[in-house]
Amino acid sequence: MLNRKTLGKRKLTSLLSTPLLLGGIAVAAPIALASPASAAVHGCGFHQINTYSISSTCHYGPGEQRAKIRCTDGITGDSYIAYGPWKQWYQDSVAVCGAPQRTNARFIDTQVRD
């Protein structure tokens, strides 16, 4: 059975933890409501370097971006996707098709991540 001393300690502990809980909610709410897109790079563009490679860059961010291109083999007609390396904003990511003498590159997308 609980005595008065035990009840008093529980009440005090409860009263002391309430501001911490409310403070945690006040801090966590804006973080939870922030949209993930606001942290990704944006203002992206691309440049065709030659028939087999394309570069992309983004001008605002934090986060990273990379070029994504479709390569088509001029002899067999086969196509595949090639990616450039992940780069910070304002850095060029260059995607290159293999066998440059016989492939053609077409820009698909600039992929972004936080």
PDB file of N, CA and C in Angstrom:
ATOM      1  N   MET A   1       0.827  -1.178   0.000  1.00  0.00           N
ATOM      2  CA  MET A   1       0.000   0.000   0.000  1.00  0.00           C
ATOM      3  C   MET A   1       0.879   1.251   0.000  1.00  0.00           C
ATOM      4  N   LEU A   2       0.373   2.302  -0.598  1.00  0.00           N
ATOM      5  CA  LEU A   2       1.132   3.532  -0.709  1.00  0.00           C
ATOM      6  C   LEU A   2       0.920   4.413   0.514  1.00  0.00           C
ATOM      7  N   ASN A   3       1.970   5.006   1.001  1.00  0.00           N
ATOM      8  CA  ASN A   3       1.819   5.948   2.108  1.00  0.00           C
ATOM      9  C   ASN A   3       1.955   7.371   1.573  1.00  0.00           C
ATOM     10  N   ARG A   4       1.822   8.361   2.428  1.00  0.00           N
ATOM     11  CA  ARG A   4       1.860   9.765   2.005  1.00  0.00           C
ATOM     12  C   ARG A   4       3.220  10.160   1.437  1.00  0.00           C
ATOM     13  N   LYS A   5       4.267   9.606   1.984  1.00  0.00           N
ATOM     14  CA  LYS A   5       5.615   9.950   1.529  1.00  0.00           C
ATOM     15  C   LYS A   5       5.820   9.478   0.079  1.00  0.00           C
ATOM     16  N   THR A   6       5.360   8.280  -0.232  1.00  0.00           N
ATOM     17  CA  THR A   6       5.495   7.739  -1.577  1.00  0.00           C
ATOM     18  C   THR A   6       4.656   8.548  -2.566  1.00  0.00           C
ATOM     19  N   LEU A   7       3.428   8.908  -2.196  1.00  0.00           N
ATOM     20  CA  LEU A   7       2.565   9.713  -3.054  1.00  0.00           C
ATOM     21  C   LEU A   7       3.169  11.079  -3.313  1.00  0.00           C
ATOM     22  N   GLY A   8       3.779  11.678  -2.334  1.00  0.00           N
ATOM     23  CA  GLY A   8       4.413  12.991  -2.484  1.00  0.00           C
ATOM     24  C   GLY A   8       5.569  12.936  -3.471  1.00  0.00           C
ATOM     25  N   LYS A   9       6.359  11.874  -3.419  1.00  0.00           N
ATOM     26  CA  LYS A   9       7.492  11.738  -4.343  1.00  0.00           C
ATOM     27  C   LYS A   9       6.995  11.551  -5.776  1.00  0.00           C
ATOM     28  N   ARG A  10       5.938  10.769  -5.916  1.00  0.00           N
ATOM     29  CA  ARG A  10       5.392  10.556  -7.260  1.00  0.00           C
ATOM     30  C   ARG A  10       4.840  11.847  -7.850  1.00  0.00           C
ATOM     31  N   LYS A  11       4.142  12.640  -7.040  1.00  0.00           N
ATOM     32  CA  LYS A  11       3.597  13.904  -7.502  1.00  0.00           C
ATOM     33  C   LYS A  11       4.716  14.858  -7.905  1.00  0.00           C
ATOM     34  N   LEU A  12       5.766  14.921  -7.109  1.00  0.00           N
ATOM     35  CA  LEU A  12       6.892  15.805  -7.387  1.00  0.00           C
ATOM     36  C   LEU A  12       7.591  15.371  -8.684  1.00  0.00           C
ATOM     37  N   THR A  13       7.803  14.079  -8.854  1.00  0.00           N
ATOM     38  CA  THR A  13       8.433  13.574 -10.072  1.00  0.00           C
ATOM     39  C   THR A  13       7.583  13.907 -11.293  1.00  0.00           C
ATOM     40  N   SER A  14       6.290  13.754 -11.164  1.00  0.00           N
ATOM     41  CA  SER A  14       5.371  14.051 -12.254  1.00  0.00           C
ATOM     42  C   SER A  14       5.405  15.538 -12.600  1.00  0.00           C
ATOM     43  N   LEU A  15       5.409  16.399 -11.595  1.00  0.00           N
ATOM     44  CA  LEU A  15       5.444  17.845 -11.834  1.00  0.00           C
ATOM     45  C   LEU A  15       6.761  18.279 -12.474  1.00  0.00           C
ATOM     46  N   LEU A  16       7.862  17.654 -12.089  1.00  0.00           N
ATOM     47  CA  LEU A  16       9.162  18.014 -12.648  1.00  0.00           C
ATOM     48  C   LEU A  16       9.323  17.533 -14.093  1.00  0.00           C
ATOM     49  N   SER A  17       8.696  16.430 -14.440  1.00  0.00           N
ATOM     50  CA  SER A  17       8.860  15.896 -15.795  1.00  0.00           C
ATOM     51  C   SER A  17       7.957  16.580 -16.814  1.00  0.00           C
ATOM     52  N   THR A  18       6.885  17.248 -16.383  1.00  0.00           N
ATOM     53  CA  THR A  18       5.955  17.899 -17.304  1.00  0.00           C
ATOM     54  C   THR A  18       6.632  18.962 -18.174  1.00  0.00           C
ATOM     55  N   PRO A  19       7.433  19.898 -17.615  1.00  0.00           N
ATOM     56  CA  PRO A  19       8.078  20.884 -18.493  1.00  0.00           C
ATOM     57  C   PRO A  19       9.044  20.232 -19.491  1.00  0.00           C
ATOM     58  N   LEU A  20       9.697  19.170 -19.084  1.00  0.00           N
ATOM     59  CA  LEU A  20      10.599  18.490 -20.011  1.00  0.00           C
ATOM     60  C   LEU A  20       9.828  17.882 -21.167  1.00  0.00           C
ATOM     61  N   LEU A  21       8.700  17.276 -20.873  1.00  0.00           N
ATOM     62  CA  LEU A  21       7.872  16.683 -21.907  1.00  0.00           C
ATOM     63  C   LEU A  21       7.347  17.742 -22.862  1.00  0.00           C
ATOM     64  N   LEU A  22       6.821  18.849 -22.321  1.00  0.00           N
ATOM     65  CA  LEU A  22       6.304  19.921 -23.162  1.00  0.00           C
ATOM     66  C   LEU A  22       7.413  20.556 -23.999  1.00  0.00           C
ATOM     67  N   GLY A  23       8.586  20.725 -23.408  1.00  0.00           N
ATOM     68  CA  GLY A  23       9.724  21.274 -24.150  1.00  0.00           C
ATOM     69  C   GLY A  23      10.134  20.354 -25.279  1.00  0.00           C
ATOM     70  N   GLY A  24      10.113  19.059 -25.037  1.00  0.00           N
ATOM     71  CA  GLY A  24      10.456  18.089 -26.083  1.00  0.00           C
ATOM     72  C   GLY A  24       9.471  18.132 -27.224  1.00  0.00           C
ATOM     73  N   ILE A  25       8.187  18.287 -26.917  1.00  0.00           N
ATOM     74  CA  ILE A  25       7.163  18.378 -27.958  1.00  0.00           C
ATOM     75  C   ILE A  25       7.352  19.657 -28.765  1.00  0.00           C
ATOM     76  N   ALA A  26       7.664  20.758 -28.083  1.00  0.00           N
ATOM     77  CA  ALA A  26       7.853  22.034 -28.782  1.00  0.00           C
ATOM     78  C   ALA A  26       9.036  21.974 -29.741  1.00  0.00           C
ATOM     79  N   VAL A  27      10.061  21.224 -29.402  1.00  0.00           N
ATOM     80  CA  VAL A  27      11.228  21.094 -30.268  1.00  0.00           C
ATOM     81  C   VAL A  27      10.954  20.099 -31.384  1.00  0.00           C
ATOM     82  N   ALA A  28      10.283  19.002 -31.088  1.00  0.00           N
ATOM     83  CA  ALA A  28      10.070  17.939 -32.063  1.00  0.00           C
ATOM     84  C   ALA A  28       9.044  18.312 -33.131  1.00  0.00           C
ATOM     85  N   ALA A  29       8.057  19.121 -32.795  1.00  0.00           N
ATOM     86  CA  ALA A  29       6.987  19.445 -33.748  1.00  0.00           C
ATOM     87  C   ALA A  29       7.507  20.112 -35.017  1.00  0.00           C
ATOM     88  N   PRO A  30       8.329  21.177 -34.930  1.00  0.00           N
ATOM     89  CA  PRO A  30       8.813  21.777 -36.180  1.00  0.00           C
ATOM     90  C   PRO A  30       9.683  20.819 -37.001  1.00  0.00           C
ATOM     91  N   ILE A  31      10.421  19.971 -36.339  1.00  0.00           N
ATOM     92  CA  ILE A  31      11.265  19.012 -37.046  1.00  0.00           C
ATOM     93  C   ILE A  31      10.390  18.015 -37.798  1.00  0.00           C
ATOM     94  N   ALA A  32       9.341  17.542 -37.170  1.00  0.00           N
ATOM     95  CA  ALA A  32       8.456  16.565 -37.801  1.00  0.00           C
ATOM     96  C   ALA A  32       7.680  17.175 -38.960  1.00  0.00           C
ATOM     97  N   LEU A  33       7.384  18.469 -38.884  1.00  0.00           N
ATOM     98  CA  LEU A  33       6.594  19.115 -39.930  1.00  0.00           C
ATOM     99  C   LEU A  33       7.436  19.613 -41.101  1.00  0.00           C
ATOM    100  N   ALA A  34       8.738  19.636 -40.966  1.00  0.00           N
ATOM    101  CA  ALA A  34       9.595  20.101 -42.061  1.00  0.00           C
ATOM    102  C   ALA A  34       9.492  19.143 -43.232  1.00  0.00           C
ATOM    103  N   SER A  35       9.364  19.681 -44.428  1.00  0.00           N
ATOM    104  CA  SER A  35       9.240  18.805 -45.588  1.00  0.00           C
ATOM    105  C   SER A  35      10.617  18.340 -46.038  1.00  0.00           C
ATOM    106  N   PRO A  36      10.744  17.077 -46.441  1.00  0.00           N
ATOM    107  CA  PRO A  36      12.034  16.573 -46.881  1.00  0.00           C
ATOM    108  C   PRO A  36      12.548  17.297 -48.122  1.00  0.00           C
ATOM    109  N   ALA A  37      11.652  17.791 -48.962  1.00  0.00           N
ATOM    110  CA  ALA A  37      12.079  18.473 -50.181  1.00  0.00           C
ATOM    111  C   ALA A  37      12.810  19.770 -49.880  1.00  0.00           C
ATOM    112  N   SER A  38      12.520  20.382 -48.726  1.00  0.00           N
ATOM    113  CA  SER A  38      13.168  21.644 -48.415  1.00  0.00           C
ATOM    114  C   SER A  38      14.653  21.447 -48.145  1.00  0.00           C
ATOM    115  N   ALA A  39      15.074  20.224 -47.847  1.00  0.00           N
ATOM    116  CA  ALA A  39      16.482  19.966 -47.568  1.00  0.00           C
ATOM    117  C   ALA A  39      17.235  19.471 -48.792  1.00  0.00           C
ATOM    118  N   ALA A  40      16.544  19.162 -49.865  1.00  0.00           N
ATOM    119  CA  ALA A  40      17.196  18.615 -51.055  1.00  0.00           C
ATOM    120  C   ALA A  40      17.721  19.740 -51.941  1.00  0.00           C
ATOM    121  N   VAL A  41      18.703  19.401 -52.754  1.00  0.00           N
ATOM    122  CA  VAL A  41      19.221  20.379 -53.708  1.00  0.00           C
ATOM    123  C   VAL A  41      18.159  20.686 -54.757  1.00  0.00           C
ATOM    124  N   HIS A  42      18.223  21.866 -55.334  1.00  0.00           N
ATOM    125  CA  HIS A  42      17.277  22.243 -56.383  1.00  0.00           C
ATOM    126  C   HIS A  42      17.936  23.274 -57.293  1.00  0.00           C
ATOM    127  N   GLY A  43      17.218  23.711 -58.305  1.00  0.00           N
ATOM    128  CA  GLY A  43      17.802  24.604 -59.296  1.00  0.00           C
ATOM    129  C   GLY A  43      18.786  23.848 -60.180  1.00  0.00           C
ATOM    130  N   CYS A  44      18.408  22.647 -60.582  1.00  0.00           N
ATOM    131  CA  CYS A  44      19.317  21.756 -61.314  1.00  0.00           C
ATOM    132  C   CYS A  44      19.203  21.949 -62.825  1.00  0.00           C
ATOM    133  N   GLY A  45      20.294  21.673 -63.507  1.00  0.00           N
ATOM    134  CA  GLY A  45      20.321  21.724 -64.958  1.00  0.00           C
ATOM    135  C   GLY A  45      21.319  20.708 -65.488  1.00  0.00           C
ATOM    136  N   PHE A  46      21.345  20.538 -66.811  1.00  0.00           N
ATOM    137  CA  PHE A  46      22.282  19.579 -67.390  1.00  0.00           C
ATOM    138  C   PHE A  46      22.919  20.160 -68.641  1.00  0.00           C
ATOM    139  N   HIS A  47      24.009  19.555 -69.049  1.00  0.00           N
ATOM    140  CA  HIS A  47      24.756  20.000 -70.218  1.00  0.00           C
ATOM    141  C   HIS A  47      25.248  18.772 -70.977  1.00  0.00           C
ATOM    142  N   GLN A  48      24.953  18.709 -72.275  1.00  0.00           N
ATOM    143  CA  GLN A  48      25.431  17.609 -73.118  1.00  0.00           C
ATOM    144  C   GLN A  48      26.884  17.906 -73.465  1.00  0.00           C
ATOM    145  N   ILE A  49      27.819  17.104 -72.946  1.00  0.00           N
ATOM    146  CA  ILE A  49      29.240  17.317 -73.188  1.00  0.00           C
ATOM    147  C   ILE A  49      29.601  16.873 -74.595  1.00  0.00           C
ATOM    148  N   ASN A  50      29.166  15.683 -74.963  1.00  0.00           N
ATOM    149  CA  ASN A  50      29.367  15.127 -76.303  1.00  0.00           C
ATOM    150  C   ASN A  50      28.284  14.079 -76.521  1.00  0.00           C
ATOM    151  N   THR A  51      28.401  13.234 -77.520  1.00  0.00           N
ATOM    152  CA  THR A  51      27.325  12.280 -77.813  1.00  0.00           C
ATOM    153  C   THR A  51      27.196  11.177 -76.775  1.00  0.00           C
ATOM    154  N   TYR A  52      28.199  10.977 -75.934  1.00  0.00           N
ATOM    155  CA  TYR A  52      28.164   9.859 -74.989  1.00  0.00           C
ATOM    156  C   TYR A  52      28.290  10.267 -73.519  1.00  0.00           C
ATOM    157  N   SER A  53      28.263  11.552 -73.188  1.00  0.00           N
ATOM    158  CA  SER A  53      28.330  11.956 -71.780  1.00  0.00           C
ATOM    159  C   SER A  53      27.558  13.251 -71.537  1.00  0.00           C
ATOM    160  N   ILE A  54      26.985  13.324 -70.345  1.00  0.00           N
ATOM    161  CA  ILE A  54      26.167  14.464 -69.937  1.00  0.00           C
ATOM    162  C   ILE A  54      26.528  14.818 -68.506  1.00  0.00           C
ATOM    163  N   SER A  55      26.602  16.112 -68.196  1.00  0.00           N
ATOM    164  CA  SER A  55      26.863  16.545 -66.820  1.00  0.00           C
ATOM    165  C   SER A  55      25.621  17.236 -66.270  1.00  0.00           C
ATOM    166  N   SER A  56      25.450  17.159 -64.966  1.00  0.00           N
ATOM    167  CA  SER A  56      24.367  17.878 -64.303  1.00  0.00           C
ATOM    168  C   SER A  56      24.946  18.601 -63.095  1.00  0.00           C
ATOM    169  N   THR A  57      24.295  19.669 -62.729  1.00  0.00           N
ATOM    170  CA  THR A  57      24.673  20.403 -61.518  1.00  0.00           C
ATOM    171  C   THR A  57      23.430  21.065 -60.948  1.00  0.00           C
ATOM    172  N   CYS A  58      23.434  21.285 -59.648  1.00  0.00           N
ATOM    173  CA  CYS A  58      22.343  21.978 -58.976  1.00  0.00           C
ATOM    174  C   CYS A  58      22.931  23.210 -58.286  1.00  0.00           C
ATOM    175  N   HIS A  59      22.150  24.283 -58.230  1.00  0.00           N
ATOM    176  CA  HIS A  59      22.688  25.548 -57.757  1.00  0.00           C
ATOM    177  C   HIS A  59      22.285  25.916 -56.341  1.00  0.00           C
ATOM    178  N   TYR A  60      21.387  25.195 -55.739  1.00  0.00           N
ATOM    179  CA  TYR A  60      20.966  25.486 -54.372  1.00  0.00           C
ATOM    180  C   TYR A  60      20.854  24.172 -53.628  1.00  0.00           C
ATOM    181  N   GLY A  61      21.079  24.212 -52.354  1.00  0.00           N
ATOM    182  CA  GLY A  61      20.944  22.949 -51.664  1.00  0.00           C
ATOM    183  C   GLY A  61      21.334  23.063 -50.246  1.00  0.00           C
ATOM    184  N   PRO A  62      21.222  22.202 -49.396  1.00  0.00           N
ATOM    185  CA  PRO A  62      22.224  21.198 -49.079  1.00  0.00           C
ATOM    186  C   PRO A  62      21.817  19.888 -49.737  1.00  0.00           C
ATOM    187  N   GLY A  63      22.641  18.914 -49.613  1.00  0.00           N
ATOM    188  CA  GLY A  63      22.344  17.620 -50.206  1.00  0.00           C
ATOM    189  C   GLY A  63      23.261  17.341 -51.372  1.00  0.00           C
ATOM    190  N   GLU A  64      22.928  16.291 -52.099  1.00  0.00           N
ATOM    191  CA  GLU A  64      23.764  15.855 -53.213  1.00  0.00           C
ATOM    192  C   GLU A  64      22.904  15.580 -54.441  1.00  0.00           C
ATOM    193  N   GLN A  65      23.528  15.560 -55.586  1.00  0.00           N
ATOM    194  CA  GLN A  65      22.849  15.293 -56.850  1.00  0.00           C
ATOM    195  C   GLN A  65      23.766  14.471 -57.742  1.00  0.00           C
ATOM    196  N   ARG A  66      23.152  13.790 -58.719  1.00  0.00           N
ATOM    197  CA  ARG A  66      23.927  13.070 -59.734  1.00  0.00           C
ATOM    198  C   ARG A  66      23.140  12.997 -61.028  1.00  0.00           C
ATOM    199  N   ALA A  67      23.865  12.873 -62.139  1.00  0.00           N
ATOM    200  CA  ALA A  67      23.245  12.770 -63.455  1.00  0.00           C
ATOM    201  C   ALA A  67      22.771  11.339 -63.683  1.00  0.00           C
ATOM    202  N   LYS A  68      21.637  11.219 -64.347  1.00  0.00           N
ATOM    203  CA  LYS A  68      21.099   9.916 -64.748  1.00  0.00           C
ATOM    204  C   LYS A  68      20.800  10.012 -66.235  1.00  0.00           C
ATOM    205  N   ILE A  69      21.418   9.146 -67.034  1.00  0.00           N
ATOM    206  CA  ILE A  69      21.246   9.213 -68.484  1.00  0.00           C
ATOM    207  C   ILE A  69      20.893   7.837 -69.053  1.00  0.00           C
ATOM    208  N   ARG A  70      20.316   7.860 -70.245  1.00  0.00           N
ATOM    209  CA  ARG A  70      20.037   6.620 -70.972  1.00  0.00           C
ATOM    210  C   ARG A  70      21.036   6.540 -72.121  1.00  0.00           C
ATOM    211  N   CYS A  71      21.729   5.402 -72.177  1.00  0.00           N
ATOM    212  CA  CYS A  71      22.710   5.169 -73.230  1.00  0.00           C
ATOM    213  C   CYS A  71      22.129   4.164 -74.215  1.00  0.00           C
ATOM    214  N   THR A  72      22.277   4.458 -75.505  1.00  0.00           N
ATOM    215  CA  THR A  72      21.789   3.561 -76.544  1.00  0.00           C
ATOM    216  C   THR A  72      22.957   3.164 -77.438  1.00  0.00           C
ATOM    217  N   ASP A  73      23.137   1.864 -77.585  1.00  0.00           N
ATOM    218  CA  ASP A  73      24.198   1.328 -78.438  1.00  0.00           C
ATOM    219  C   ASP A  73      23.761   1.480 -79.890  1.00  0.00           C
ATOM    220  N   GLY A  74      24.587   2.153 -80.690  1.00  0.00           N
ATOM    221  CA  GLY A  74      24.248   2.411 -82.083  1.00  0.00           C
ATOM    222  C   GLY A  74      24.276   1.184 -82.965  1.00  0.00           C
ATOM    223  N   ILE A  75      24.933   0.122 -82.539  1.00  0.00           N
ATOM    224  CA  ILE A  75      25.031  -1.092 -83.356  1.00  0.00           C
ATOM    225  C   ILE A  75      23.927  -2.085 -83.001  1.00  0.00           C
ATOM    226  N   THR A  76      23.794  -2.405 -81.724  1.00  0.00           N
ATOM    227  CA  THR A  76      22.817  -3.422 -81.300  1.00  0.00           C
ATOM    228  C   THR A  76      21.446  -2.828 -80.990  1.00  0.00           C
ATOM    229  N   GLY A  77      21.391  -1.532 -80.678  1.00  0.00           N
ATOM    230  CA  GLY A  77      20.126  -0.911 -80.291  1.00  0.00           C
ATOM    231  C   GLY A  77      19.791  -1.092 -78.824  1.00  0.00           C
ATOM    232  N   ASP A  78      20.646  -1.801 -78.080  1.00  0.00           N
ATOM    233  CA  ASP A  78      20.413  -1.995 -76.650  1.00  0.00           C
ATOM    234  C   ASP A  78      20.546  -0.662 -75.915  1.00  0.00           C
ATOM    235  N   SER A  79      19.766  -0.502 -74.846  1.00  0.00           N
ATOM    236  CA  SER A  79      19.893   0.710 -74.037  1.00  0.00           C
ATOM    237  C   SER A  79      20.035   0.326 -72.578  1.00  0.00           C
ATOM    238  N   TYR A  80      20.678   1.206 -71.833  1.00  0.00           N
ATOM    239  CA  TYR A  80      20.894   1.003 -70.398  1.00  0.00           C
ATOM    240  C   TYR A  80      21.014   2.363 -69.739  1.00  0.00           C
ATOM    241  N   ILE A  81      20.917   2.361 -68.410  1.00  0.00           N
ATOM    242  CA  ILE A  81      20.994   3.590 -67.621  1.00  0.00           C
ATOM    243  C   ILE A  81      22.411   3.714 -67.054  1.00  0.00           C
ATOM    244  N   ALA A  82      22.960   4.908 -67.113  1.00  0.00           N
ATOM    245  CA  ALA A  82      24.266   5.195 -66.506  1.00  0.00           C
ATOM    246  C   ALA A  82      24.085   6.354 -65.526  1.00  0.00           C
ATOM    247  N   TYR A  83      24.837   6.327 -64.445  1.00  0.00           N
ATOM    248  CA  TYR A  83      24.759   7.353 -63.413  1.00  0.00           C
ATOM    249  C   TYR A  83      26.120   8.005 -63.225  1.00  0.00           C
ATOM    250  N   GLY A  84      26.103   9.286 -62.927  1.00  0.00           N
ATOM    251  CA  GLY A  84      27.316   9.978 -62.515  1.00  0.00           C
ATOM    252  C   GLY A  84      27.492   9.808 -61.011  1.00  0.00           C
ATOM    253  N   PRO A  85      28.621  10.213 -60.467  1.00  0.00           N
ATOM    254  CA  PRO A  85      28.835  10.111 -59.018  1.00  0.00           C
ATOM    255  C   PRO A  85      28.010  11.164 -58.272  1.00  0.00           C
ATOM    256  N   TRP A  86      27.700  10.878 -57.010  1.00  0.00           N
ATOM    257  CA  TRP A  86      27.009  11.850 -56.165  1.00  0.00           C
ATOM    258  C   TRP A  86      27.944  13.018 -55.910  1.00  0.00           C
ATOM    259  N   LYS A  87      27.442  14.240 -56.110  1.00  0.00           N
ATOM    260  CA  LYS A  87      28.232  15.457 -55.917  1.00  0.00           C
ATOM    261  C   LYS A  87      27.446  16.466 -55.095  1.00  0.00           C
ATOM    262  N   GLN A  88      28.149  17.344 -54.400  1.00  0.00           N
ATOM    263  CA  GLN A  88      27.525  18.432 -53.664  1.00  0.00           C
ATOM    264  C   GLN A  88      26.989  19.465 -54.668  1.00  0.00           C
ATOM    265  N   TRP A  89      26.113  20.340 -54.201  1.00  0.00           N
ATOM    266  CA  TRP A  89      25.585  21.368 -55.094  1.00  0.00           C
ATOM    267  C   TRP A  89      26.725  22.237 -55.597  1.00  0.00           C
ATOM    268  N   TYR A  90      26.561  22.735 -56.754  1.00  0.00           N
ATOM    269  CA  TYR A  90      27.548  23.524 -57.503  1.00  0.00           C
ATOM    270  C   TYR A  90      28.740  22.713 -57.975  1.00  0.00           C
ATOM    271  N   GLN A  91      28.674  21.407 -57.917  1.00  0.00           N
ATOM    272  CA  GLN A  91      29.706  20.549 -58.495  1.00  0.00           C
ATOM    273  C   GLN A  91      29.056  19.741 -59.618  1.00  0.00           C
ATOM    274  N   ASP A  92      29.797  19.504 -60.689  1.00  0.00           N
ATOM    275  CA  ASP A  92      29.272  18.735 -61.817  1.00  0.00           C
ATOM    276  C   ASP A  92      29.346  17.242 -61.552  1.00  0.00           C
ATOM    277  N   SER A  93      28.259  16.542 -61.848  1.00  0.00           N
ATOM    278  CA  SER A  93      28.229  15.091 -61.854  1.00  0.00           C
ATOM    279  C   SER A  93      28.161  14.671 -63.320  1.00  0.00           C
ATOM    280  N   VAL A  94      29.133  13.902 -63.768  1.00  0.00           N
ATOM    281  CA  VAL A  94      29.205  13.515 -65.178  1.00  0.00           C
ATOM    282  C   VAL A  94      28.904  12.024 -65.311  1.00  0.00           C
ATOM    283  N   ALA A  95      27.884  11.707 -66.119  1.00  0.00           N
ATOM    284  CA  ALA A  95      27.546  10.317 -66.440  1.00  0.00           C
ATOM    285  C   ALA A  95      28.046  10.043 -67.847  1.00  0.00           C
ATOM    286  N   VAL A  96      28.724   8.909 -68.010  1.00  0.00           N
ATOM    287  CA  VAL A  96      29.345   8.568 -69.286  1.00  0.00           C
ATOM    288  C   VAL A  96      28.880   7.186 -69.730  1.00  0.00           C
ATOM    289  N   CYS A  97      28.510   7.071 -71.000  1.00  0.00           N
ATOM    290  CA  CYS A  97      28.179   5.774 -71.582  1.00  0.00           C
ATOM    291  C   CYS A  97      29.479   5.064 -71.958  1.00  0.00           C
ATOM    292  N   GLY A  98      29.499   3.750 -71.859  1.00  0.00           N
ATOM    293  CA  GLY A  98      30.661   2.986 -72.295  1.00  0.00           C
ATOM    294  C   GLY A  98      30.741   2.964 -73.816  1.00  0.00           C
ATOM    295  N   ALA A  99      31.851   2.567 -74.351  1.00  0.00           N
ATOM    296  CA  ALA A  99      32.082   2.471 -75.804  1.00  0.00           C
ATOM    297  C   ALA A  99      31.674   3.763 -76.504  1.00  0.00           C
ATOM    298  N   PRO A 100      32.388   4.855 -76.240  1.00  0.00           N
ATOM    299  CA  PRO A 100      31.971   6.164 -76.761  1.00  0.00           C
ATOM    300  C   PRO A 100      31.871   6.239 -78.280  1.00  0.00           C
ATOM    301  N   GLN A 101      32.577   5.377 -78.985  1.00  0.00           N
ATOM    302  CA  GLN A 101      32.527   5.442 -80.447  1.00  0.00           C
ATOM    303  C   GLN A 101      31.208   4.928 -81.005  1.00  0.00           C
ATOM    304  N   ARG A 102      30.371   4.272 -80.165  1.00  0.00           N
ATOM    305  CA  ARG A 102      29.137   3.712 -80.724  1.00  0.00           C
ATOM    306  C   ARG A 102      27.894   3.919 -79.866  1.00  0.00           C
ATOM    307  N   THR A 103      27.971   4.706 -78.809  1.00  0.00           N
ATOM    308  CA  THR A 103      26.782   4.933 -77.976  1.00  0.00           C
ATOM    309  C   THR A 103      26.349   6.387 -78.024  1.00  0.00           C
ATOM    310  N   ASN A 104      25.080   6.588 -77.778  1.00  0.00           N
ATOM    311  CA  ASN A 104      24.506   7.926 -77.688  1.00  0.00           C
ATOM    312  C   ASN A 104      23.845   8.087 -76.330  1.00  0.00           C
ATOM    313  N   ALA A 105      24.041   9.250 -75.716  1.00  0.00           N
ATOM    314  CA  ALA A 105      23.479   9.523 -74.394  1.00  0.00           C
ATOM    315  C   ALA A 105      22.281  10.453 -74.525  1.00  0.00           C
ATOM    316  N   ARG A 106      21.274  10.198 -73.690  1.00  0.00           N
ATOM    317  CA  ARG A 106      20.104  11.063 -73.612  1.00  0.00           C
ATOM    318  C   ARG A 106      19.829  11.332 -72.139  1.00  0.00           C
ATOM    319  N   PHE A 107      19.668  12.610 -71.773  1.00  0.00           N
ATOM    320  CA  PHE A 107      19.427  12.989 -70.382  1.00  0.00           C
ATOM    321  C   PHE A 107      18.074  12.474 -69.918  1.00  0.00           C
ATOM    322  N   ILE A 108      18.057  11.907 -68.705  1.00  0.00           N
ATOM    323  CA  ILE A 108      16.799  11.449 -68.121  1.00  0.00           C
ATOM    324  C   ILE A 108      16.417  12.329 -66.934  1.00  0.00           C
ATOM    325  N   ASP A 109      17.354  12.471 -65.973  1.00  0.00           N
ATOM    326  CA  ASP A 109      16.981  13.105 -64.716  1.00  0.00           C
ATOM    327  C   ASP A 109      18.228  13.490 -63.941  1.00  0.00           C
ATOM    328  N   THR A 110      18.062  14.438 -63.023  1.00  0.00           N
ATOM    329  CA  THR A 110      19.057  14.713 -62.000  1.00  0.00           C
ATOM    330  C   THR A 110      18.501  14.146 -60.714  1.00  0.00           C
ATOM    331  N   GLN A 111      19.125  13.136 -60.176  1.00  0.00           N
ATOM    332  CA  GLN A 111      18.661  12.549 -58.924  1.00  0.00           C
ATOM    333  C   GLN A 111      19.219  13.364 -57.758  1.00  0.00           C
ATOM    334  N   VAL A 112      18.430  13.546 -56.723  1.00  0.00           N
ATOM    335  CA  VAL A 112      18.871  14.297 -55.555  1.00  0.00           C
ATOM    336  C   VAL A 112      18.629  13.479 -54.290  1.00  0.00           C
ATOM    337  N   ARG A 113      19.439  13.757 -53.276  1.00  0.00           N
ATOM    338  CA  ARG A 113      19.255  13.141 -51.963  1.00  0.00           C
ATOM    339  C   ARG A 113      19.757  14.112 -50.902  1.00  0.00           C
ATOM    340  N   ASP A 114      19.242  13.939 -49.698  1.00  0.00           N
ATOM    341  CA  ASP A 114      19.653  14.795 -48.568  1.00  0.00           C
ATOM    342  C   ASP A 114      21.023  14.435 -48.079  1.00  0.00           C
TER     343      ASP A 114
END
